[in-house]
Amino acid sequence: MDAIDILVLLCYLGGLFFNLAGVVGIIRLPDIYCRLHSSSKNTTLGALLIAFGLAIRQFQAGEGPAGLKVLLIAVLVLVVTPIGSHALARAAYQNGAPLSELTVCDQYIESFREQTSSDV
């Protein structure tokens, strides 16, 4: 095993770790907002690490265009996943998904009230 193979293996293992941490967060956390936070952060980082490992492997094999496509996919994941999780959390809040009893403060309630009062 040379240094590139070790780097690819570390990327794959890091991606696996973060994806598993995201799954544990989805199972263990109390409400939808915490679950979305855990799943979006961890799985984004996990997917990026796996994609970087795959891109390195493609470049090593002499498949430059395939490596560039994998990097493009990684950029799209980096952009789309946070936007999607934010949209899901906002829709859940607007439809009344309950916060956990452990939630200390709700900083979004003021802007939500202002938005709904201006819509009426």
N, C-alpha and C. Protein backbone atom coordinates (compact mmCIF):
# COMPACT_ATOMS: atom_id res chain seq x y z
N MET A 1 0.84 -1.19 0.00
CA MET A 1 0.00 0.00 0.00
C MET A 1 0.88 1.24 0.00
N ASP A 2 0.60 2.11 -0.94
CA ASP A 2 1.35 3.36 -0.96
C ASP A 2 0.55 4.46 -0.24
N ALA A 3 1.09 5.67 -0.26
CA ALA A 3 0.49 6.77 0.50
C ALA A 3 -0.89 7.14 -0.05
N ILE A 4 -1.08 7.06 -1.35
CA ILE A 4 -2.38 7.43 -1.92
C ILE A 4 -3.46 6.43 -1.50
N ASP A 5 -3.10 5.14 -1.48
CA ASP A 5 -4.06 4.14 -1.03
C ASP A 5 -4.45 4.35 0.43
N ILE A 6 -3.50 4.73 1.24
CA ILE A 6 -3.78 5.00 2.66
C ILE A 6 -4.68 6.23 2.79
N LEU A 7 -4.41 7.26 1.98
CA LEU A 7 -5.25 8.46 2.00
C LEU A 7 -6.68 8.15 1.58
N VAL A 8 -6.83 7.34 0.53
CA VAL A 8 -8.17 6.95 0.07
C VAL A 8 -8.88 6.15 1.15
N LEU A 9 -8.17 5.22 1.78
CA LEU A 9 -8.75 4.42 2.86
C LEU A 9 -9.18 5.30 4.03
N LEU A 10 -8.37 6.27 4.38
CA LEU A 10 -8.73 7.19 5.47
C LEU A 10 -9.96 8.02 5.11
N CYS A 11 -10.07 8.44 3.85
CA CYS A 11 -11.26 9.18 3.42
C CYS A 11 -12.50 8.30 3.53
N TYR A 12 -12.40 7.05 3.07
CA TYR A 12 -13.53 6.14 3.16
C TYR A 12 -13.93 5.87 4.61
N LEU A 13 -12.93 5.62 5.46
CA LEU A 13 -13.24 5.34 6.86
C LEU A 13 -13.81 6.56 7.57
N GLY A 14 -13.28 7.74 7.25
CA GLY A 14 -13.83 8.97 7.82
C GLY A 14 -15.26 9.20 7.37
N GLY A 15 -15.54 8.95 6.10
CA GLY A 15 -16.90 9.08 5.59
C GLY A 15 -17.84 8.09 6.27
N LEU A 16 -17.37 6.86 6.44
CA LEU A 16 -18.18 5.86 7.13
C LEU A 16 -18.47 6.28 8.57
N PHE A 17 -17.45 6.80 9.25
CA PHE A 17 -17.65 7.24 10.64
C PHE A 17 -18.70 8.34 10.73
N PHE A 18 -18.59 9.35 9.88
CA PHE A 18 -19.53 10.47 9.97
C PHE A 18 -20.95 10.06 9.56
N ASN A 19 -21.07 9.18 8.58
CA ASN A 19 -22.40 8.69 8.21
C ASN A 19 -23.01 7.87 9.34
N LEU A 20 -22.22 7.05 9.99
CA LEU A 20 -22.75 6.29 11.14
C LEU A 20 -23.11 7.20 12.30
N ALA A 21 -22.31 8.25 12.51
CA ALA A 21 -22.64 9.22 13.56
C ALA A 21 -23.96 9.93 13.25
N GLY A 22 -24.21 10.20 11.98
CA GLY A 22 -25.48 10.81 11.58
C GLY A 22 -26.65 9.88 11.85
N VAL A 23 -26.47 8.59 11.60
CA VAL A 23 -27.53 7.62 11.87
C VAL A 23 -27.80 7.53 13.36
N VAL A 24 -26.75 7.51 14.16
CA VAL A 24 -26.93 7.47 15.62
C VAL A 24 -27.65 8.74 16.09
N GLY A 25 -27.32 9.88 15.51
CA GLY A 25 -28.00 11.12 15.86
C GLY A 25 -29.47 11.09 15.51
N ILE A 26 -29.80 10.51 14.36
CA ILE A 26 -31.21 10.41 13.98
C ILE A 26 -31.97 9.53 14.96
N ILE A 27 -31.34 8.47 15.43
CA ILE A 27 -32.01 7.55 16.35
C ILE A 27 -32.10 8.15 17.75
N ARG A 28 -31.06 8.82 18.21
CA ARG A 28 -30.98 9.21 19.61
C ARG A 28 -31.52 10.60 19.95
N LEU A 29 -31.54 11.52 19.01
CA LEU A 29 -31.91 12.89 19.35
C LEU A 29 -33.42 13.06 19.49
N PRO A 30 -33.86 14.05 20.28
CA PRO A 30 -35.26 14.09 20.73
C PRO A 30 -36.29 14.61 19.73
N ASP A 31 -35.95 15.58 18.89
CA ASP A 31 -36.98 16.13 18.01
C ASP A 31 -36.47 16.26 16.58
N ILE A 32 -37.36 16.66 15.70
CA ILE A 32 -37.03 16.69 14.27
C ILE A 32 -35.93 17.70 13.96
N TYR A 33 -35.86 18.77 14.70
CA TYR A 33 -34.87 19.81 14.42
C TYR A 33 -33.47 19.33 14.76
N CYS A 34 -33.31 18.67 15.89
CA CYS A 34 -32.01 18.10 16.25
C CYS A 34 -31.64 16.98 15.30
N ARG A 35 -32.60 16.18 14.90
CA ARG A 35 -32.33 15.08 13.97
C ARG A 35 -31.90 15.62 12.60
N LEU A 36 -32.57 16.66 12.14
CA LEU A 36 -32.16 17.27 10.87
C LEU A 36 -30.75 17.85 10.96
N HIS A 37 -30.44 18.47 12.08
CA HIS A 37 -29.11 19.03 12.27
C HIS A 37 -28.05 17.94 12.20
N SER A 38 -28.28 16.86 12.93
CA SER A 38 -27.33 15.77 12.95
C SER A 38 -27.20 15.12 11.58
N SER A 39 -28.32 14.86 10.96
CA SER A 39 -28.26 14.15 9.68
C SER A 39 -27.63 15.01 8.59
N SER A 40 -27.94 16.29 8.56
CA SER A 40 -27.40 17.12 7.48
C SER A 40 -25.91 17.37 7.65
N LYS A 41 -25.48 17.68 8.85
CA LYS A 41 -24.05 17.95 9.06
C LYS A 41 -23.21 16.70 8.86
N ASN A 42 -23.59 15.63 9.52
CA ASN A 42 -22.76 14.43 9.47
C ASN A 42 -22.78 13.75 8.11
N THR A 43 -23.94 13.62 7.52
CA THR A 43 -23.97 12.92 6.23
C THR A 43 -23.36 13.76 5.11
N THR A 44 -23.41 15.08 5.22
CA THR A 44 -22.74 15.92 4.24
C THR A 44 -21.23 15.70 4.31
N LEU A 45 -20.69 15.75 5.52
CA LEU A 45 -19.25 15.53 5.67
C LEU A 45 -18.87 14.11 5.27
N GLY A 46 -19.70 13.14 5.65
CA GLY A 46 -19.41 11.75 5.28
C GLY A 46 -19.44 11.55 3.78
N ALA A 47 -20.43 12.11 3.12
CA ALA A 47 -20.51 11.97 1.66
C ALA A 47 -19.35 12.68 0.98
N LEU A 48 -18.94 13.83 1.50
CA LEU A 48 -17.82 14.55 0.91
C LEU A 48 -16.53 13.76 1.04
N LEU A 49 -16.30 13.17 2.20
CA LEU A 49 -15.09 12.37 2.37
C LEU A 49 -15.07 11.16 1.45
N ILE A 50 -16.19 10.50 1.33
CA ILE A 50 -16.26 9.34 0.43
C ILE A 50 -16.06 9.80 -1.02
N ALA A 51 -16.65 10.92 -1.40
CA ALA A 51 -16.49 11.42 -2.76
C ALA A 51 -15.05 11.83 -3.03
N PHE A 52 -14.39 12.45 -2.06
CA PHE A 52 -12.99 12.82 -2.25
C PHE A 52 -12.12 11.57 -2.40
N GLY A 53 -12.39 10.55 -1.60
CA GLY A 53 -11.65 9.30 -1.74
C GLY A 53 -11.86 8.68 -3.11
N LEU A 54 -13.09 8.70 -3.59
CA LEU A 54 -13.39 8.16 -4.91
C LEU A 54 -12.74 8.99 -6.01
N ALA A 55 -12.74 10.31 -5.87
CA ALA A 55 -12.10 11.17 -6.87
C ALA A 55 -10.60 10.92 -6.91
N ILE A 56 -9.99 10.78 -5.75
CA ILE A 56 -8.56 10.47 -5.72
C ILE A 56 -8.29 9.14 -6.42
N ARG A 57 -9.12 8.16 -6.16
CA ARG A 57 -8.97 6.85 -6.79
C ARG A 57 -9.13 6.96 -8.31
N GLN A 58 -10.09 7.76 -8.78
CA GLN A 58 -10.28 7.93 -10.22
C GLN A 58 -9.09 8.63 -10.87
N PHE A 59 -8.57 9.67 -10.21
CA PHE A 59 -7.40 10.36 -10.75
C PHE A 59 -6.18 9.43 -10.77
N GLN A 60 -6.05 8.60 -9.75
CA GLN A 60 -4.94 7.65 -9.69
C GLN A 60 -5.03 6.64 -10.84
N ALA A 61 -6.23 6.25 -11.21
CA ALA A 61 -6.43 5.28 -12.28
C ALA A 61 -6.34 5.91 -13.66
N GLY A 62 -6.13 7.23 -13.72
CA GLY A 62 -6.02 7.90 -15.01
C GLY A 62 -7.36 8.29 -15.61
N GLU A 63 -8.39 8.25 -14.83
CA GLU A 63 -9.74 8.63 -15.28
C GLU A 63 -10.05 10.05 -14.82
N GLY A 64 -9.41 11.02 -15.44
CA GLY A 64 -9.58 12.42 -15.05
C GLY A 64 -11.01 12.93 -15.16
N PRO A 65 -11.69 12.70 -16.30
CA PRO A 65 -13.07 13.19 -16.41
C PRO A 65 -14.00 12.58 -15.36
N ALA A 66 -13.82 11.31 -15.05
CA ALA A 66 -14.65 10.69 -14.01
C ALA A 66 -14.36 11.31 -12.65
N GLY A 67 -13.10 11.59 -12.37
CA GLY A 67 -12.74 12.25 -11.11
C GLY A 67 -13.35 13.64 -11.00
N LEU A 68 -13.36 14.37 -12.11
CA LEU A 68 -13.97 15.70 -12.10
C LEU A 68 -15.48 15.61 -11.89
N LYS A 69 -16.11 14.60 -12.46
CA LYS A 69 -17.55 14.42 -12.25
C LYS A 69 -17.86 14.12 -10.78
N VAL A 70 -17.01 13.31 -10.16
CA VAL A 70 -17.21 13.01 -8.74
C VAL A 70 -17.03 14.27 -7.90
N LEU A 71 -16.05 15.10 -8.24
CA LEU A 71 -15.87 16.36 -7.50
C LEU A 71 -17.04 17.31 -7.71
N LEU A 72 -17.61 17.32 -8.91
CA LEU A 72 -18.81 18.13 -9.16
C LEU A 72 -19.98 17.64 -8.32
N ILE A 73 -20.13 16.34 -8.21
CA ILE A 73 -21.18 15.77 -7.36
C ILE A 73 -20.95 16.18 -5.91
N ALA A 74 -19.69 16.18 -5.47
CA ALA A 74 -19.38 16.57 -4.09
C ALA A 74 -19.77 18.03 -3.84
N VAL A 75 -19.50 18.89 -4.81
CA VAL A 75 -19.88 20.31 -4.67
C VAL A 75 -21.40 20.44 -4.61
N LEU A 76 -22.10 19.70 -5.44
CA LEU A 76 -23.57 19.76 -5.41
C LEU A 76 -24.12 19.27 -4.07
N VAL A 77 -23.53 18.21 -3.53
CA VAL A 77 -23.95 17.72 -2.21
C VAL A 77 -23.70 18.79 -1.16
N LEU A 78 -22.55 19.45 -1.25
CA LEU A 78 -22.21 20.49 -0.28
C LEU A 78 -23.18 21.67 -0.33
N VAL A 79 -23.73 21.96 -1.50
CA VAL A 79 -24.66 23.09 -1.65
C VAL A 79 -26.09 22.67 -1.34
N VAL A 80 -26.52 21.53 -1.85
CA VAL A 80 -27.93 21.16 -1.79
C VAL A 80 -28.36 20.63 -0.42
N THR A 81 -27.52 19.88 0.25
CA THR A 81 -27.93 19.27 1.52
C THR A 81 -28.29 20.30 2.60
N PRO A 82 -27.49 21.32 2.86
CA PRO A 82 -27.91 22.32 3.85
C PRO A 82 -29.18 23.07 3.46
N ILE A 83 -29.34 23.35 2.17
CA ILE A 83 -30.55 24.05 1.72
C ILE A 83 -31.78 23.17 1.95
N GLY A 84 -31.66 21.90 1.61
CA GLY A 84 -32.79 20.98 1.80
C GLY A 84 -33.14 20.79 3.26
N SER A 85 -32.13 20.65 4.12
CA SER A 85 -32.43 20.46 5.54
C SER A 85 -33.03 21.72 6.16
N HIS A 86 -32.58 22.89 5.69
CA HIS A 86 -33.18 24.13 6.18
C HIS A 86 -34.64 24.24 5.75
N ALA A 87 -34.92 23.87 4.52
CA ALA A 87 -36.30 23.92 4.03
C ALA A 87 -37.18 22.94 4.80
N LEU A 88 -36.66 21.76 5.09
CA LEU A 88 -37.43 20.79 5.88
C LEU A 88 -37.70 21.30 7.29
N ALA A 89 -36.68 21.87 7.92
CA ALA A 89 -36.86 22.39 9.28
C ALA A 89 -37.85 23.55 9.30
N ARG A 90 -37.77 24.42 8.33
CA ARG A 90 -38.71 25.55 8.26
C ARG A 90 -40.14 25.08 8.04
N ALA A 91 -40.31 24.10 7.15
CA ALA A 91 -41.66 23.57 6.92
C ALA A 91 -42.18 22.86 8.15
N ALA A 92 -41.32 22.14 8.85
CA ALA A 92 -41.75 21.46 10.07
C ALA A 92 -42.17 22.48 11.13
N TYR A 93 -41.42 23.56 11.25
CA TYR A 93 -41.75 24.59 12.24
C TYR A 93 -43.07 25.28 11.88
N GLN A 94 -43.24 25.60 10.62
CA GLN A 94 -44.46 26.28 10.21
C GLN A 94 -45.69 25.40 10.33
N ASN A 95 -45.51 24.09 10.25
CA ASN A 95 -46.63 23.16 10.40
C ASN A 95 -46.82 22.69 11.83
N GLY A 96 -46.06 23.26 12.77
CA GLY A 96 -46.29 23.00 14.18
C GLY A 96 -45.62 21.76 14.75
N ALA A 97 -44.54 21.31 14.16
CA ALA A 97 -43.82 20.18 14.75
C ALA A 97 -43.29 20.60 16.11
N PRO A 98 -43.53 19.82 17.15
CA PRO A 98 -43.18 20.26 18.50
C PRO A 98 -41.68 20.25 18.75
N LEU A 99 -41.26 21.20 19.57
CA LEU A 99 -39.88 21.22 20.03
C LEU A 99 -39.75 20.24 21.20
N SER A 100 -38.54 19.82 21.45
CA SER A 100 -38.28 18.93 22.58
C SER A 100 -38.49 19.69 23.89
N GLU A 101 -38.78 18.96 24.95
CA GLU A 101 -38.90 19.60 26.27
C GLU A 101 -37.56 20.12 26.74
N LEU A 102 -36.48 19.63 26.18
CA LEU A 102 -35.13 20.05 26.56
C LEU A 102 -34.71 21.34 25.88
N THR A 103 -35.52 21.86 24.96
CA THR A 103 -35.18 23.09 24.25
C THR A 103 -35.25 24.26 25.22
N VAL A 104 -34.17 25.04 25.26
CA VAL A 104 -34.07 26.13 26.22
C VAL A 104 -34.79 27.38 25.72
N CYS A 105 -34.58 27.74 24.46
CA CYS A 105 -35.23 28.93 23.92
C CYS A 105 -35.58 28.70 22.46
N ASP A 106 -36.57 29.46 22.01
CA ASP A 106 -37.03 29.39 20.63
C ASP A 106 -36.79 30.76 20.02
N GLN A 107 -35.67 30.93 19.35
CA GLN A 107 -35.32 32.23 18.79
C GLN A 107 -36.05 32.52 17.49
N TYR A 108 -36.66 31.53 16.90
CA TYR A 108 -37.32 31.70 15.62
C TYR A 108 -38.75 32.20 15.77
N ILE A 109 -39.31 32.13 16.95
CA ILE A 109 -40.73 32.45 17.16
C ILE A 109 -41.04 33.91 16.83
N GLU A 110 -40.11 34.84 17.15
CA GLU A 110 -40.38 36.25 16.88
C GLU A 110 -40.48 36.51 15.38
N SER A 111 -39.53 35.99 14.62
CA SER A 111 -39.58 36.23 13.18
C SER A 111 -40.74 35.48 12.54
N PHE A 112 -41.10 34.34 13.10
CA PHE A 112 -42.25 33.60 12.59
C PHE A 112 -43.54 34.36 12.84
N ARG A 113 -43.68 34.96 14.02
CA ARG A 113 -44.88 35.78 14.33
C ARG A 113 -44.96 37.00 13.43
N GLU A 114 -43.80 37.66 13.21
CA GLU A 114 -43.79 38.84 12.34
C GLU A 114 -44.18 38.45 10.91
N GLN A 115 -43.68 37.32 10.47
CA GLN A 115 -43.97 36.88 9.10
C GLN A 115 -45.45 36.52 8.94
N THR A 116 -46.02 35.82 9.90
CA THR A 116 -47.42 35.42 9.78
C THR A 116 -48.35 36.62 9.98
N SER A 117 -47.96 37.61 10.80
CA SER A 117 -48.83 38.76 10.98
C SER A 117 -48.79 39.66 9.74
N SER A 118 -47.66 39.72 9.03
CA SER A 118 -47.61 40.53 7.83
C SER A 118 -48.31 39.85 6.66
N ASP A 119 -48.47 38.52 6.71
CA ASP A 119 -49.15 37.78 5.64
C ASP A 119 -50.67 37.96 5.73
N VAL A 120 -51.17 38.30 6.91
CA VAL A 120 -52.63 38.39 7.10
C VAL A 120 -53.18 39.67 6.57
